[in-house]
Protein backbone atom coordinates (compact mmCIF):
# COMPACT_ATOMS: atom_id res chain seq x y z
CA MET A 1 22.50 13.23 -134.51
CA ALA A 2 21.32 9.77 -132.19
CA PHE A 3 19.07 8.80 -129.11
CA SER A 4 19.06 6.95 -126.63
CA TYR A 5 16.44 4.74 -125.05
CA LYS A 6 18.38 3.45 -121.82
CA PRO A 7 16.68 5.79 -119.31
CA LEU A 8 13.43 3.81 -120.51
CA TRP A 9 15.20 1.19 -119.55
CA LYS A 10 16.06 1.67 -116.27
CA LEU A 11 13.70 3.35 -115.82
CA LEU A 12 11.25 0.30 -116.28
CA ILE A 13 13.88 -1.75 -114.32
CA ASP A 14 12.64 0.90 -111.03
CA LYS A 15 9.40 0.71 -111.58
CA ASP A 16 9.45 -3.04 -111.60
CA MET A 17 7.69 -2.96 -115.06
CA THR A 18 8.14 -5.40 -118.85
CA LYS A 19 8.55 -4.11 -122.01
CA LYS A 20 5.43 -6.24 -122.52
CA GLU A 21 3.07 -3.93 -119.79
CA LEU A 22 4.42 -0.47 -121.21
CA MET A 23 3.41 -1.56 -124.79
CA LYS A 24 -0.39 -3.31 -123.19
CA ASN A 25 -0.34 0.23 -121.12
CA THR A 26 0.70 2.18 -124.01
CA GLY A 27 -0.76 0.89 -126.95
CA VAL A 28 3.07 1.38 -128.72
CA SER A 29 3.79 -1.92 -130.86
CA LYS A 30 6.44 -4.81 -130.28
CA SER A 31 8.28 -3.05 -133.50
CA THR A 32 8.33 -0.01 -132.23
CA ILE A 33 10.13 -1.34 -129.42
CA ASN A 34 12.35 -3.03 -131.23
CA LYS A 35 12.90 0.67 -132.83
CA MET A 36 14.15 1.36 -129.42
CA THR A 37 16.09 -1.36 -128.28
CA HIS A 38 17.94 -0.88 -131.06
CA GLY A 39 18.61 3.02 -130.82
CA GLU A 40 16.49 4.08 -134.17
CA ASP A 41 14.40 6.65 -134.23
CA VAL A 42 10.65 6.64 -133.52
CA SER A 43 7.92 9.26 -133.57
CA LEU A 44 7.35 11.76 -130.99
CA ASP A 45 2.85 10.86 -130.82
CA VAL A 46 4.95 7.13 -129.18
CA ILE A 47 7.36 9.04 -126.02
CA ASP A 48 5.00 11.08 -125.43
CA ARG A 49 2.45 8.32 -124.61
CA ILE A 50 5.00 6.38 -122.86
CA CYS A 51 5.94 9.31 -120.99
CA THR A 52 2.67 10.01 -119.80
CA PHE A 53 1.81 6.69 -118.87
CA LEU A 54 5.23 6.44 -116.86
CA ASN A 55 4.40 10.55 -115.16
CA CYS A 56 7.57 11.16 -116.47
CA ASN A 57 9.46 14.22 -118.61
CA VAL A 58 10.81 12.94 -121.73
CA GLU A 59 14.32 13.23 -120.82
CA CYS A 60 13.63 9.89 -118.77
CA VAL A 61 12.64 8.11 -121.40
CA VAL A 62 15.62 9.02 -123.83
CA GLU A 63 18.33 11.10 -124.44
CA HIS A 64 20.75 12.74 -126.87
CA ILE A 65 23.88 11.14 -128.34
CA LYS A 66 26.11 13.70 -129.54
CA ASP A 67 29.00 12.57 -132.72
């Protein structure tokens, strides 16, 4: 099972927001953003904080990639 955070990166572009701004406003660490950049797993708490800040649904942040 794999996940992609491409929807989040596209959303940030649409909102003209940087990863650094996202980190500042959500409290998500740089190491966690790096994990997401490389498609690694992150906690649901991180996804929740991002969704709450961006006022969006989970599918706007992460998508499931079928093997």
